Amino acid sequence: MGDPPRHFLVQAPVPVMDVDGFNVTTIGIVLFAIASVLAGVFYPRLEEAGNGWWLWVCVSGFGLGLIGLAYCLHRRSRRRAGRWDRD
């Protein structure tokens, strides 16, 4: 029927830097921890401005990050054990 379609854009074969997401998750947890401390220090000001909920957003981000970190550690251990079938 003819020639195959020509692709003008070809993606370079770039290796993945953080396969299991551990580094990104850890950085996020640290940032949410810092934000939680700052929001706790400035809580009276935030409450006056009607933004007291910011503290709870930071605390929730920290807590969810810990859950994500547990998932990343589990994923890393499965990859190292060779039991990896695309979670």
C-alpha atoms as a PDB file:
ATOM      1  CA  MET A   1       0.000   0.000   0.000  1.00  0.00           C
ATOM      2  CA  GLY A   2       2.927   2.364   0.250  1.00  0.00           C
ATOM      3  CA  ASP A   3       5.653   3.597   2.479  1.00  0.00           C
ATOM      4  CA  PRO A   4       5.235   3.571   6.260  1.00  0.00           C
ATOM      5  CA  PRO A   5       4.464   6.973   7.791  1.00  0.00           C
ATOM      6  CA  ARG A   6       7.459   9.150   8.452  1.00  0.00           C
ATOM      7  CA  HIS A   7       7.866  10.515  11.940  1.00  0.00           C
ATOM      8  CA  PHE A   8       9.442  13.909  12.245  1.00  0.00           C
ATOM      9  CA  LEU A   9       9.877  13.810  16.012  1.00  0.00           C
ATOM     10  CA  VAL A  10      11.911  11.021  17.536  1.00  0.00           C
ATOM     11  CA  GLN A  11      12.260  10.720  21.288  1.00  0.00           C
ATOM     12  CA  ALA A  12      15.811  10.293  22.497  1.00  0.00           C
ATOM     13  CA  PRO A  13      16.484   7.180  24.574  1.00  0.00           C
ATOM     14  CA  VAL A  14      16.973   8.874  27.949  1.00  0.00           C
ATOM     15  CA  PRO A  15      17.423   6.580  30.952  1.00  0.00           C
ATOM     16  CA  VAL A  16      15.095   7.053  33.899  1.00  0.00           C
ATOM     17  CA  MET A  17      16.840   8.802  36.784  1.00  0.00           C
ATOM     18  CA  ASP A  18      14.594   7.792  39.694  1.00  0.00           C
ATOM     19  CA  VAL A  19      12.990   4.454  38.879  1.00  0.00           C
ATOM     20  CA  ASP A  20      11.202   3.852  42.163  1.00  0.00           C
ATOM     21  CA  GLY A  21      10.277   7.453  43.081  1.00  0.00           C
ATOM     22  CA  PHE A  22      12.070   7.357  46.423  1.00  0.00           C
ATOM     23  CA  ASN A  23      14.093  10.557  45.919  1.00  0.00           C
ATOM     24  CA  VAL A  24      11.159  12.641  44.720  1.00  0.00           C
ATOM     25  CA  THR A  25       8.926  11.414  47.537  1.00  0.00           C
ATOM     26  CA  THR A  26      11.593  12.111  50.156  1.00  0.00           C
ATOM     27  CA  ILE A  27      12.104  15.660  48.879  1.00  0.00           C
ATOM     28  CA  GLY A  28       8.343  16.244  48.976  1.00  0.00           C
ATOM     29  CA  ILE A  29       8.109  14.982  52.550  1.00  0.00           C
ATOM     30  CA  VAL A  30      10.947  17.257  53.664  1.00  0.00           C
ATOM     31  CA  LEU A  31       9.327  20.270  51.985  1.00  0.00           C
ATOM     32  CA  PHE A  32       5.944  19.523  53.554  1.00  0.00           C
ATOM     33  CA  ALA A  33       7.620  19.086  56.964  1.00  0.00           C
ATOM     34  CA  ILE A  34       9.289  22.494  56.647  1.00  0.00           C
ATOM     35  CA  ALA A  35       6.025  24.054  55.482  1.00  0.00           C
ATOM     36  CA  SER A  36       4.204  22.455  58.441  1.00  0.00           C
ATOM     37  CA  VAL A  37       6.657  23.926  60.924  1.00  0.00           C
ATOM     38  CA  LEU A  38       6.410  27.366  59.314  1.00  0.00           C
ATOM     39  CA  ALA A  39       2.617  27.205  59.202  1.00  0.00           C
ATOM     40  CA  GLY A  40       2.613  26.166  62.869  1.00  0.00           C
ATOM     41  CA  VAL A  41       4.829  29.093  63.826  1.00  0.00           C
ATOM     42  CA  PHE A  42       2.696  31.559  61.896  1.00  0.00           C
ATOM     43  CA  TYR A  43      -0.633  29.912  62.718  1.00  0.00           C
ATOM     44  CA  PRO A  44      -2.094  32.871  64.650  1.00  0.00           C
ATOM     45  CA  ARG A  45      -1.464  35.143  61.663  1.00  0.00           C
ATOM     46  CA  LEU A  46      -2.876  32.602  59.254  1.00  0.00           C
ATOM     47  CA  GLU A  47      -5.964  32.184  61.429  1.00  0.00           C
ATOM     48  CA  GLU A  48      -6.530  35.947  61.508  1.00  0.00           C
ATOM     49  CA  ALA A  49      -6.362  36.086  57.727  1.00  0.00           C
ATOM     50  CA  GLY A  50      -8.768  33.146  57.393  1.00  0.00           C
ATOM     51  CA  ASN A  51      -6.043  30.814  56.139  1.00  0.00           C
ATOM     52  CA  GLY A  52      -5.701  28.538  59.153  1.00  0.00           C
ATOM     53  CA  TRP A  53      -6.442  25.552  56.912  1.00  0.00           C
ATOM     54  CA  TRP A  54      -2.952  25.890  55.364  1.00  0.00           C
ATOM     55  CA  LEU A  55      -1.477  24.167  58.405  1.00  0.00           C
ATOM     56  CA  TRP A  56      -3.693  21.134  57.872  1.00  0.00           C
ATOM     57  CA  VAL A  57      -2.851  21.005  54.164  1.00  0.00           C
ATOM     58  CA  CYS A  58       0.849  20.867  55.082  1.00  0.00           C
ATOM     59  CA  VAL A  59       0.301  18.203  57.733  1.00  0.00           C
ATOM     60  CA  SER A  60      -1.810  16.154  55.313  1.00  0.00           C
ATOM     61  CA  GLY A  61       0.851  16.425  52.619  1.00  0.00           C
ATOM     62  CA  PHE A  62       3.446  15.193  55.084  1.00  0.00           C
ATOM     63  CA  GLY A  63       1.269  12.254  56.159  1.00  0.00           C
ATOM     64  CA  LEU A  64       0.365  11.248  52.621  1.00  0.00           C
ATOM     65  CA  GLY A  65       4.028  11.541  51.698  1.00  0.00           C
ATOM     66  CA  LEU A  66       4.887   9.002  54.393  1.00  0.00           C
ATOM     67  CA  ILE A  67       2.334   6.612  52.907  1.00  0.00           C
ATOM     68  CA  GLY A  68       3.850   7.216  49.475  1.00  0.00           C
ATOM     69  CA  LEU A  69       7.339   6.599  50.861  1.00  0.00           C
ATOM     70  CA  ALA A  70       6.217   3.237  52.247  1.00  0.00           C
ATOM     71  CA  TYR A  71       4.863   2.364  48.800  1.00  0.00           C
ATOM     72  CA  CYS A  72       8.140   3.418  47.142  1.00  0.00           C
ATOM     73  CA  LEU A  73      10.180   1.305  49.557  1.00  0.00           C
ATOM     74  CA  HIS A  74       7.936  -1.689  48.893  1.00  0.00           C
ATOM     75  CA  ARG A  75       8.272  -1.128  45.151  1.00  0.00           C
ATOM     76  CA  ARG A  76      12.073  -0.822  45.436  1.00  0.00           C
ATOM     77  CA  SER A  77      12.330  -4.088  47.374  1.00  0.00           C
ATOM     78  CA  ARG A  78      10.185  -5.894  44.787  1.00  0.00           C
ATOM     79  CA  ARG A  79      12.361  -4.568  41.952  1.00  0.00           C
ATOM     80  CA  ARG A  80      15.532  -5.724  43.688  1.00  0.00           C
ATOM     81  CA  ALA A  81      14.060  -9.152  44.404  1.00  0.00           C
ATOM     82  CA  GLY A  82      13.146  -9.558  40.741  1.00  0.00           C
ATOM     83  CA  ARG A  83       9.397  -9.767  41.357  1.00  0.00           C
ATOM     84  CA  TRP A  84       8.515  -6.805  39.185  1.00  0.00           C
ATOM     85  CA  ASP A  85       5.457  -6.913  36.997  1.00  0.00           C
ATOM     86  CA  ARG A  86       4.424  -3.293  36.553  1.00  0.00           C
ATOM     87  CA  ASP A  87       2.587  -2.163  39.698  1.00  0.00           C
END
